[in-house]
Amino acid sequence: MGQAIRIIGIDPGLRRTGWGIVESLGNSLRFVGSGTVRSDIKADLASRLCQLHDGLAEILHEHMPHEAAVEQTFVNKDATATLKLGQARGIAMLVPARAGLPVAEYAPNAVKKTVIGVGHGDKKQIHMMVKVLMPKATFDTDDAADALAIAICHAHHRTSAAHQARLATA
């Protein structure tokens, strides 16, 4: 039947970066772990980015995933906040890439459509469906639940022809 693939989903944020890890084997998913890497809001930006980097690197070292998926940044009205989110997202992509993992990106609407069936939904719906899909899943923050949803999305889309082509050229 094949080997289980361990996937880390990452929901980037400067204050809190959520992570969630699942194992995918065929059509089945198994919860491995989830949590939140936090940065010190009183520290300067460079120090906060280092904190996110070090926290994610520790998670990767501990759980040894095979693939990573990161949520794409949405642009909001606050350009400064969007820029800071983009920097945190850069860390979220850099850490697994430096560890040799392929990194997929998913738009928030694609994650929602995969997990709850529609492209627009609230966090409560996502959390409920994560628990339905993986009853043993636990998460300490909304960010960790969202990261699990990103990992689930990747597990469902990783075998698509377009995704396989992206991996081949990476």
N, C-alpha and C. Protein backbone atom coordinates (compact mmCIF):
# COMPACT_ATOMS: atom_id res chain seq x y z
N MET A 1 0.82 -1.20 0.00
CA MET A 1 0.00 0.00 0.00
C MET A 1 0.85 1.25 0.00
N GLY A 2 2.10 1.15 0.42
CA GLY A 2 2.96 2.32 0.42
C GLY A 2 3.36 2.71 1.82
N GLN A 3 4.07 3.79 1.88
CA GLN A 3 4.60 4.30 3.14
C GLN A 3 3.83 5.55 3.56
N ALA A 4 3.63 5.70 4.86
CA ALA A 4 2.96 6.89 5.38
C ALA A 4 3.83 8.12 5.11
N ILE A 5 3.20 9.20 4.71
CA ILE A 5 3.88 10.47 4.47
C ILE A 5 3.51 11.40 5.61
N ARG A 6 4.52 11.93 6.27
CA ARG A 6 4.30 12.87 7.38
C ARG A 6 4.35 14.28 6.82
N ILE A 7 3.28 15.04 7.07
CA ILE A 7 3.12 16.39 6.51
C ILE A 7 2.98 17.39 7.65
N ILE A 8 3.74 18.48 7.56
CA ILE A 8 3.56 19.59 8.50
C ILE A 8 2.84 20.72 7.77
N GLY A 9 1.78 21.18 8.37
CA GLY A 9 1.09 22.36 7.90
C GLY A 9 1.50 23.53 8.77
N ILE A 10 1.74 24.68 8.17
CA ILE A 10 2.19 25.85 8.92
C ILE A 10 1.29 27.03 8.60
N ASP A 11 0.75 27.64 9.66
CA ASP A 11 -0.07 28.84 9.54
C ASP A 11 0.77 30.00 10.07
N PRO A 12 1.43 30.76 9.17
CA PRO A 12 2.39 31.75 9.62
C PRO A 12 1.76 32.99 10.25
N GLY A 13 2.43 33.51 11.24
CA GLY A 13 2.05 34.75 11.89
C GLY A 13 3.23 35.25 12.69
N LEU A 14 3.35 36.54 12.86
CA LEU A 14 4.49 37.08 13.59
C LEU A 14 4.35 36.85 15.09
N ARG A 15 3.15 36.99 15.63
CA ARG A 15 2.94 36.71 17.06
C ARG A 15 2.88 35.22 17.34
N ARG A 16 2.09 34.53 16.53
CA ARG A 16 1.88 33.10 16.71
C ARG A 16 1.93 32.42 15.34
N THR A 17 2.76 31.42 15.23
CA THR A 17 2.80 30.58 14.03
C THR A 17 2.32 29.20 14.44
N GLY A 18 1.20 28.79 13.86
CA GLY A 18 0.65 27.48 14.18
C GLY A 18 1.30 26.40 13.35
N TRP A 19 1.41 25.22 13.93
CA TRP A 19 1.91 24.07 13.19
C TRP A 19 1.04 22.86 13.52
N GLY A 20 0.87 22.00 12.53
CA GLY A 20 0.11 20.78 12.71
C GLY A 20 0.69 19.70 11.83
N ILE A 21 0.83 18.50 12.39
CA ILE A 21 1.44 17.40 11.65
C ILE A 21 0.47 16.24 11.57
N VAL A 22 0.32 15.72 10.34
CA VAL A 22 -0.51 14.55 10.10
C VAL A 22 0.32 13.52 9.32
N GLU A 23 -0.12 12.29 9.42
CA GLU A 23 0.44 11.24 8.57
C GLU A 23 -0.65 10.81 7.60
N SER A 24 -0.27 10.72 6.35
CA SER A 24 -1.21 10.34 5.29
C SER A 24 -0.77 9.01 4.71
N LEU A 25 -1.70 8.04 4.70
CA LEU A 25 -1.44 6.75 4.09
C LEU A 25 -2.69 6.38 3.31
N GLY A 26 -2.58 6.41 1.99
CA GLY A 26 -3.76 6.19 1.16
C GLY A 26 -4.78 7.29 1.43
N ASN A 27 -5.99 6.89 1.77
CA ASN A 27 -7.04 7.87 2.08
C ASN A 27 -7.18 8.15 3.56
N SER A 28 -6.31 7.56 4.38
CA SER A 28 -6.45 7.77 5.82
C SER A 28 -5.46 8.81 6.33
N LEU A 29 -5.92 9.54 7.34
CA LEU A 29 -5.09 10.55 7.99
C LEU A 29 -4.98 10.21 9.46
N ARG A 30 -3.80 10.46 10.01
CA ARG A 30 -3.59 10.24 11.44
C ARG A 30 -2.96 11.49 12.04
N PHE A 31 -3.52 11.96 13.15
CA PHE A 31 -2.99 13.12 13.85
C PHE A 31 -1.67 12.74 14.52
N VAL A 32 -0.65 13.57 14.34
CA VAL A 32 0.65 13.35 14.97
C VAL A 32 0.88 14.37 16.08
N GLY A 33 0.66 15.65 15.79
CA GLY A 33 0.87 16.68 16.80
C GLY A 33 0.53 18.04 16.26
N SER A 34 0.42 19.00 17.17
CA SER A 34 0.17 20.38 16.77
C SER A 34 0.60 21.29 17.90
N GLY A 35 0.73 22.55 17.58
CA GLY A 35 1.11 23.53 18.59
C GLY A 35 1.29 24.90 17.99
N THR A 36 1.86 25.77 18.78
CA THR A 36 2.04 27.15 18.37
C THR A 36 3.43 27.63 18.78
N VAL A 37 4.14 28.21 17.84
CA VAL A 37 5.41 28.86 18.13
C VAL A 37 5.10 30.34 18.33
N ARG A 38 5.52 30.88 19.44
CA ARG A 38 5.23 32.28 19.77
C ARG A 38 6.51 33.11 19.75
N SER A 39 6.34 34.37 19.38
CA SER A 39 7.47 35.31 19.48
C SER A 39 7.14 36.34 20.55
N ASP A 40 8.18 36.91 21.11
CA ASP A 40 8.05 37.92 22.17
C ASP A 40 7.68 39.25 21.53
N ILE A 41 6.45 39.72 21.79
CA ILE A 41 5.98 40.94 21.14
C ILE A 41 6.77 42.18 21.57
N LYS A 42 7.54 42.07 22.65
CA LYS A 42 8.36 43.21 23.10
C LYS A 42 9.72 43.24 22.42
N ALA A 43 10.08 42.18 21.73
CA ALA A 43 11.39 42.10 21.08
C ALA A 43 11.35 42.81 19.72
N ASP A 44 12.52 43.12 19.19
CA ASP A 44 12.60 43.74 17.87
C ASP A 44 12.25 42.69 16.80
N LEU A 45 11.95 43.17 15.60
CA LEU A 45 11.48 42.31 14.53
C LEU A 45 12.46 41.18 14.21
N ALA A 46 13.73 41.50 14.10
CA ALA A 46 14.72 40.47 13.76
C ALA A 46 14.75 39.38 14.82
N SER A 47 14.67 39.75 16.09
CA SER A 47 14.67 38.76 17.17
C SER A 47 13.43 37.89 17.11
N ARG A 48 12.29 38.50 16.80
CA ARG A 48 11.05 37.74 16.71
C ARG A 48 11.11 36.75 15.56
N LEU A 49 11.67 37.15 14.43
CA LEU A 49 11.80 36.23 13.30
C LEU A 49 12.75 35.08 13.66
N CYS A 50 13.80 35.38 14.40
CA CYS A 50 14.71 34.32 14.88
C CYS A 50 13.98 33.34 15.80
N GLN A 51 13.12 33.86 16.66
CA GLN A 51 12.36 33.00 17.57
C GLN A 51 11.46 32.05 16.77
N LEU A 52 10.80 32.58 15.74
CA LEU A 52 9.96 31.73 14.90
C LEU A 52 10.80 30.68 14.18
N HIS A 53 11.92 31.10 13.64
CA HIS A 53 12.83 30.18 12.95
C HIS A 53 13.26 29.06 13.87
N ASP A 54 13.76 29.42 15.03
CA ASP A 54 14.28 28.41 15.96
C ASP A 54 13.18 27.46 16.44
N GLY A 55 11.99 28.01 16.69
CA GLY A 55 10.88 27.17 17.14
C GLY A 55 10.44 26.18 16.08
N LEU A 56 10.33 26.65 14.83
CA LEU A 56 9.94 25.74 13.74
C LEU A 56 11.04 24.71 13.47
N ALA A 57 12.29 25.13 13.53
CA ALA A 57 13.39 24.18 13.31
C ALA A 57 13.36 23.07 14.36
N GLU A 58 13.05 23.42 15.59
CA GLU A 58 12.96 22.43 16.65
C GLU A 58 11.82 21.43 16.39
N ILE A 59 10.68 21.94 15.93
CA ILE A 59 9.53 21.08 15.62
C ILE A 59 9.90 20.11 14.49
N LEU A 60 10.55 20.61 13.45
CA LEU A 60 10.95 19.75 12.33
C LEU A 60 11.93 18.68 12.80
N HIS A 61 12.88 19.06 13.64
CA HIS A 61 13.86 18.11 14.15
C HIS A 61 13.18 17.03 14.99
N GLU A 62 12.20 17.43 15.78
CA GLU A 62 11.51 16.50 16.67
C GLU A 62 10.59 15.54 15.92
N HIS A 63 9.85 16.04 14.92
CA HIS A 63 8.82 15.23 14.26
C HIS A 63 9.21 14.68 12.89
N MET A 64 10.27 15.18 12.29
CA MET A 64 10.81 14.68 11.02
C MET A 64 9.75 14.49 9.91
N PRO A 65 9.04 15.57 9.54
CA PRO A 65 8.07 15.44 8.45
C PRO A 65 8.78 15.25 7.11
N HIS A 66 8.01 14.75 6.13
CA HIS A 66 8.54 14.53 4.78
C HIS A 66 8.22 15.68 3.83
N GLU A 67 7.11 16.37 4.10
CA GLU A 67 6.66 17.46 3.24
C GLU A 67 6.06 18.56 4.10
N ALA A 68 6.02 19.77 3.55
CA ALA A 68 5.47 20.91 4.28
C ALA A 68 4.47 21.65 3.40
N ALA A 69 3.51 22.28 4.06
CA ALA A 69 2.52 23.11 3.36
C ALA A 69 2.33 24.39 4.18
N VAL A 70 2.30 25.52 3.49
CA VAL A 70 2.20 26.82 4.14
C VAL A 70 1.04 27.58 3.52
N GLU A 71 0.30 28.29 4.37
CA GLU A 71 -0.80 29.10 3.85
C GLU A 71 -0.25 30.35 3.18
N GLN A 72 -0.82 30.69 2.03
CA GLN A 72 -0.41 31.90 1.33
C GLN A 72 -0.90 33.13 2.09
N THR A 73 -0.18 34.22 1.91
CA THR A 73 -0.52 35.47 2.57
C THR A 73 -1.70 36.13 1.87
N PHE A 74 -2.60 36.64 2.67
CA PHE A 74 -3.66 37.47 2.11
C PHE A 74 -3.27 38.92 2.35
N VAL A 75 -3.65 39.80 1.47
CA VAL A 75 -3.32 41.21 1.60
C VAL A 75 -4.51 41.91 2.25
N ASN A 76 -4.23 42.65 3.32
CA ASN A 76 -5.31 43.40 3.95
C ASN A 76 -5.03 44.89 3.83
N LYS A 77 -5.86 45.69 4.44
CA LYS A 77 -5.76 47.15 4.28
C LYS A 77 -4.54 47.73 4.99
N ASP A 78 -4.01 47.03 5.97
CA ASP A 78 -2.86 47.51 6.73
C ASP A 78 -1.57 46.98 6.08
N ALA A 79 -0.92 47.82 5.29
CA ALA A 79 0.27 47.40 4.55
C ALA A 79 1.39 46.95 5.48
N THR A 80 1.55 47.60 6.61
CA THR A 80 2.61 47.23 7.55
C THR A 80 2.36 45.83 8.11
N ALA A 81 1.12 45.54 8.47
CA ALA A 81 0.78 44.22 8.99
C ALA A 81 0.99 43.15 7.92
N THR A 82 0.62 43.46 6.68
CA THR A 82 0.80 42.52 5.59
C THR A 82 2.28 42.23 5.36
N LEU A 83 3.11 43.26 5.42
CA LEU A 83 4.55 43.09 5.25
C LEU A 83 5.13 42.21 6.35
N LYS A 84 4.74 42.46 7.59
CA LYS A 84 5.24 41.65 8.71
C LYS A 84 4.79 40.20 8.58
N LEU A 85 3.55 39.99 8.16
CA LEU A 85 3.06 38.63 7.94
C LEU A 85 3.87 37.96 6.84
N GLY A 86 4.20 38.71 5.81
CA GLY A 86 5.02 38.17 4.73
C GLY A 86 6.40 37.75 5.21
N GLN A 87 6.96 38.50 6.13
CA GLN A 87 8.27 38.14 6.68
C GLN A 87 8.17 36.85 7.50
N ALA A 88 7.12 36.73 8.30
CA ALA A 88 6.90 35.51 9.08
C ALA A 88 6.67 34.33 8.14
N ARG A 89 5.94 34.58 7.05
CA ARG A 89 5.69 33.53 6.07
C ARG A 89 6.99 33.09 5.40
N GLY A 90 7.89 34.03 5.18
CA GLY A 90 9.20 33.69 4.63
C GLY A 90 9.94 32.72 5.54
N ILE A 91 9.88 32.94 6.83
CA ILE A 91 10.51 32.03 7.80
C ILE A 91 9.81 30.67 7.72
N ALA A 92 8.47 30.68 7.64
CA ALA A 92 7.70 29.43 7.59
C ALA A 92 8.04 28.61 6.35
N MET A 93 8.45 29.26 5.29
CA MET A 93 8.84 28.54 4.08
C MET A 93 10.32 28.16 4.10
N LEU A 94 11.14 29.04 4.67
CA LEU A 94 12.58 28.82 4.71
C LEU A 94 12.96 27.61 5.56
N VAL A 95 12.39 27.48 6.74
CA VAL A 95 12.80 26.42 7.66
C VAL A 95 12.62 25.03 7.03
N PRO A 96 11.44 24.69 6.51
CA PRO A 96 11.35 23.36 5.90
C PRO A 96 12.17 23.23 4.61
N ALA A 97 12.28 24.30 3.84
CA ALA A 97 13.09 24.24 2.62
C ALA A 97 14.55 23.96 2.96
N ARG A 98 15.06 24.61 4.00
CA ARG A 98 16.45 24.38 4.43
C ARG A 98 16.64 22.96 4.96
N ALA A 99 15.56 22.35 5.45
CA ALA A 99 15.63 20.97 5.94
C ALA A 99 15.47 19.96 4.79
N GLY A 100 15.34 20.46 3.55
CA GLY A 100 15.24 19.59 2.39
C GLY A 100 13.84 19.12 2.06
N LEU A 101 12.82 19.71 2.67
CA LEU A 101 11.44 19.31 2.42
C LEU A 101 10.86 20.09 1.25
N PRO A 102 10.05 19.43 0.41
CA PRO A 102 9.28 20.20 -0.57
C PRO A 102 8.23 21.01 0.18
N VAL A 103 8.02 22.25 -0.26
CA VAL A 103 7.07 23.15 0.40
C VAL A 103 5.98 23.55 -0.59
N ALA A 104 4.74 23.20 -0.26
CA ALA A 104 3.59 23.58 -1.08
C ALA A 104 2.92 24.79 -0.45
N GLU A 105 2.24 25.55 -1.27
CA GLU A 105 1.52 26.74 -0.79
C GLU A 105 0.05 26.61 -1.18
N TYR A 106 -0.82 27.03 -0.25
CA TYR A 106 -2.25 26.96 -0.50
C TYR A 106 -2.92 28.26 -0.08
N ALA A 107 -3.81 28.74 -0.92
CA ALA A 107 -4.60 29.92 -0.59
C ALA A 107 -5.58 29.57 0.52
N PRO A 108 -5.90 30.54 1.38
CA PRO A 108 -6.86 30.27 2.47
C PRO A 108 -8.17 29.67 1.97
N ASN A 109 -8.69 30.16 0.83
CA ASN A 109 -9.95 29.62 0.30
C ASN A 109 -9.82 28.17 -0.14
N ALA A 110 -8.64 27.79 -0.65
CA ALA A 110 -8.42 26.40 -1.07
C ALA A 110 -8.41 25.48 0.15
N VAL A 111 -7.82 25.95 1.24
CA VAL A 111 -7.80 25.16 2.48
C VAL A 111 -9.23 24.96 2.98
N LYS A 112 -9.99 26.06 3.02
CA LYS A 112 -11.38 25.98 3.49
C LYS A 112 -12.21 25.07 2.61
N LYS A 113 -12.05 25.19 1.29
CA LYS A 113 -12.83 24.37 0.38
C LYS A 113 -12.51 22.89 0.57
N THR A 114 -11.25 22.57 0.78
CA THR A 114 -10.85 21.18 0.99
C THR A 114 -11.40 20.63 2.29
N VAL A 115 -11.33 21.41 3.35
CA VAL A 115 -11.68 20.91 4.68
C VAL A 115 -13.17 20.99 4.98
N ILE A 116 -13.82 22.11 4.61
CA ILE A 116 -15.24 22.25 4.97
C ILE A 116 -16.17 22.20 3.75
N GLY A 117 -15.59 22.13 2.54
CA GLY A 117 -16.41 21.97 1.35
C GLY A 117 -16.78 23.25 0.64
N VAL A 118 -16.52 24.39 1.24
CA VAL A 118 -16.77 25.69 0.59
C VAL A 118 -15.57 26.58 0.84
N GLY A 119 -15.37 27.55 -0.06
CA GLY A 119 -14.21 28.43 0.03
C GLY A 119 -14.31 29.53 1.06
N HIS A 120 -15.48 29.69 1.65
CA HIS A 120 -15.66 30.73 2.66
C HIS A 120 -16.31 30.08 3.88
N GLY A 121 -15.68 30.25 5.01
CA GLY A 121 -16.21 29.69 6.24
C GLY A 121 -15.47 30.30 7.41
N ASP A 122 -16.02 30.13 8.58
CA ASP A 122 -15.34 30.70 9.74
C ASP A 122 -14.48 29.66 10.45
N LYS A 123 -13.70 30.15 11.40
CA LYS A 123 -12.76 29.29 12.11
C LYS A 123 -13.46 28.15 12.85
N LYS A 124 -14.65 28.40 13.37
CA LYS A 124 -15.37 27.35 14.09
C LYS A 124 -15.69 26.17 13.18
N GLN A 125 -16.06 26.46 11.93
CA GLN A 125 -16.34 25.39 10.98
C GLN A 125 -15.09 24.58 10.68
N ILE A 126 -13.97 25.27 10.52
CA ILE A 126 -12.70 24.59 10.24
C ILE A 126 -12.35 23.69 11.42
N HIS A 127 -12.42 24.22 12.63
CA HIS A 127 -12.08 23.44 13.83
C HIS A 127 -12.96 22.20 13.95
N MET A 128 -14.26 22.39 13.70
CA MET A 128 -15.19 21.28 13.81
C MET A 128 -14.83 20.18 12.80
N MET A 129 -14.53 20.56 11.56
CA MET A 129 -14.21 19.56 10.55
C MET A 129 -12.85 18.90 10.80
N VAL A 130 -11.90 19.64 11.34
CA VAL A 130 -10.61 19.02 11.70
C VAL A 130 -10.88 17.92 12.73
N LYS A 131 -11.74 18.20 13.70
CA LYS A 131 -12.07 17.21 14.74
C LYS A 131 -12.85 16.03 14.15
N VAL A 132 -13.70 16.29 13.15
CA VAL A 132 -14.44 15.20 12.50
C VAL A 132 -13.47 14.31 11.73
N LEU A 133 -12.54 14.93 10.98
CA LEU A 133 -11.60 14.17 10.17
C LEU A 133 -10.56 13.44 11.02
N MET A 134 -10.20 14.04 12.15
CA MET A 134 -9.20 13.44 13.05
C MET A 134 -9.66 13.62 14.50
N PRO A 135 -10.48 12.70 14.99
CA PRO A 135 -11.06 12.86 16.33
C PRO A 135 -10.02 12.98 17.46
N LYS A 136 -8.83 12.45 17.26
CA LYS A 136 -7.80 12.51 18.30
C LYS A 136 -7.00 13.81 18.26
N ALA A 137 -7.29 14.66 17.29
CA ALA A 137 -6.53 15.90 17.14
C ALA A 137 -6.79 16.84 18.31
N THR A 138 -5.73 17.46 18.76
CA THR A 138 -5.81 18.50 19.79
C THR A 138 -5.06 19.71 19.26
N PHE A 139 -5.49 20.90 19.68
CA PHE A 139 -4.79 22.11 19.28
C PHE A 139 -4.97 23.15 20.37
N ASP A 140 -3.89 23.90 20.60
CA ASP A 140 -3.89 24.88 21.70
C ASP A 140 -4.36 26.27 21.27
N THR A 141 -4.39 26.53 19.97
CA THR A 141 -4.79 27.85 19.47
C THR A 141 -5.52 27.68 18.14
N ASP A 142 -6.19 28.75 17.70
CA ASP A 142 -6.78 28.77 16.36
C ASP A 142 -5.71 28.55 15.30
N ASP A 143 -4.52 29.08 15.55
CA ASP A 143 -3.43 28.96 14.58
C ASP A 143 -3.03 27.50 14.38
N ALA A 144 -2.99 26.73 15.47
CA ALA A 144 -2.64 25.31 15.37
C ALA A 144 -3.73 24.54 14.63
N ALA A 145 -4.99 24.86 14.89
CA ALA A 145 -6.10 24.20 14.18
C ALA A 145 -6.04 24.53 12.69
N ASP A 146 -5.75 25.79 12.37
CA ASP A 146 -5.62 26.18 10.97
C ASP A 146 -4.45 25.45 10.30
N ALA A 147 -3.36 25.27 11.04
CA ALA A 147 -2.20 24.55 10.50
C ALA A 147 -2.56 23.10 10.20
N LEU A 148 -3.34 22.48 11.06
CA LEU A 148 -3.80 21.11 10.78
C LEU A 148 -4.66 21.08 9.52
N ALA A 149 -5.50 22.10 9.34
CA ALA A 149 -6.33 22.18 8.14
C ALA A 149 -5.44 22.32 6.89
N ILE A 150 -4.36 23.06 6.99
CA ILE A 150 -3.42 23.22 5.88
C ILE A 150 -2.76 21.88 5.56
N ALA A 151 -2.37 21.14 6.59
CA ALA A 151 -1.78 19.81 6.39
C ALA A 151 -2.78 18.86 5.74
N ILE A 152 -4.04 18.90 6.18
CA ILE A 152 -5.09 18.07 5.59
C ILE A 152 -5.28 18.44 4.12
N CYS A 153 -5.31 19.72 3.83
CA CYS A 153 -5.44 20.20 2.45
C CYS A 153 -4.31 19.62 1.59
N HIS A 154 -3.10 19.69 2.10
CA HIS A 154 -1.96 19.18 1.33
C HIS A 154 -2.07 17.66 1.14
N ALA A 155 -2.50 16.96 2.17
CA ALA A 155 -2.65 15.51 2.05
C ALA A 155 -3.63 15.16 0.93
N HIS A 156 -4.66 15.97 0.75
CA HIS A 156 -5.65 15.71 -0.29
C HIS A 156 -5.17 16.12 -1.68
N HIS A 157 -4.30 17.10 -1.77
CA HIS A 157 -3.89 17.63 -3.07
C HIS A 157 -2.50 17.20 -3.52
N ARG A 158 -1.74 16.56 -2.67
CA ARG A 158 -0.35 16.26 -2.98
C ARG A 158 -0.16 15.29 -4.13
N THR A 159 -1.16 14.50 -4.43
CA THR A 159 -1.03 13.53 -5.52
C THR A 159 -1.57 14.04 -6.85
N SER A 160 -2.06 15.28 -6.87
CA SER A 160 -2.58 15.82 -8.13
C SER A 160 -1.44 15.96 -9.14
N ALA A 161 -1.78 15.90 -10.40
CA ALA A 161 -0.78 16.00 -11.46
C ALA A 161 -0.02 17.32 -11.40
N ALA A 162 -0.72 18.40 -11.15
CA ALA A 162 -0.07 19.72 -11.10
C ALA A 162 0.92 19.78 -9.94
N HIS A 163 0.54 19.22 -8.80
CA HIS A 163 1.44 19.24 -7.65
C HIS A 163 2.67 18.37 -7.93
N GLN A 164 2.47 17.21 -8.53
CA GLN A 164 3.61 16.34 -8.85
C GLN A 164 4.56 17.03 -9.83
N ALA A 165 4.02 17.80 -10.77
CA ALA A 165 4.86 18.53 -11.71
C ALA A 165 5.68 19.59 -10.98
N ARG A 166 5.06 20.29 -10.02
CA ARG A 166 5.79 21.30 -9.24
C ARG A 166 6.93 20.65 -8.45
N LEU A 167 6.67 19.48 -7.86
CA LEU A 167 7.72 18.80 -7.11
C LEU A 167 8.87 18.36 -8.02
N ALA A 168 8.54 17.93 -9.23
CA ALA A 168 9.56 17.47 -10.17
C ALA A 168 10.50 18.59 -10.59
N THR A 169 9.98 19.82 -10.66
CA THR A 169 10.81 20.95 -11.07
C THR A 169 11.49 21.64 -9.90
N ALA A 170 11.18 21.23 -8.69
CA ALA A 170 11.76 21.87 -7.49
C ALA A 170 13.17 21.40 -7.26
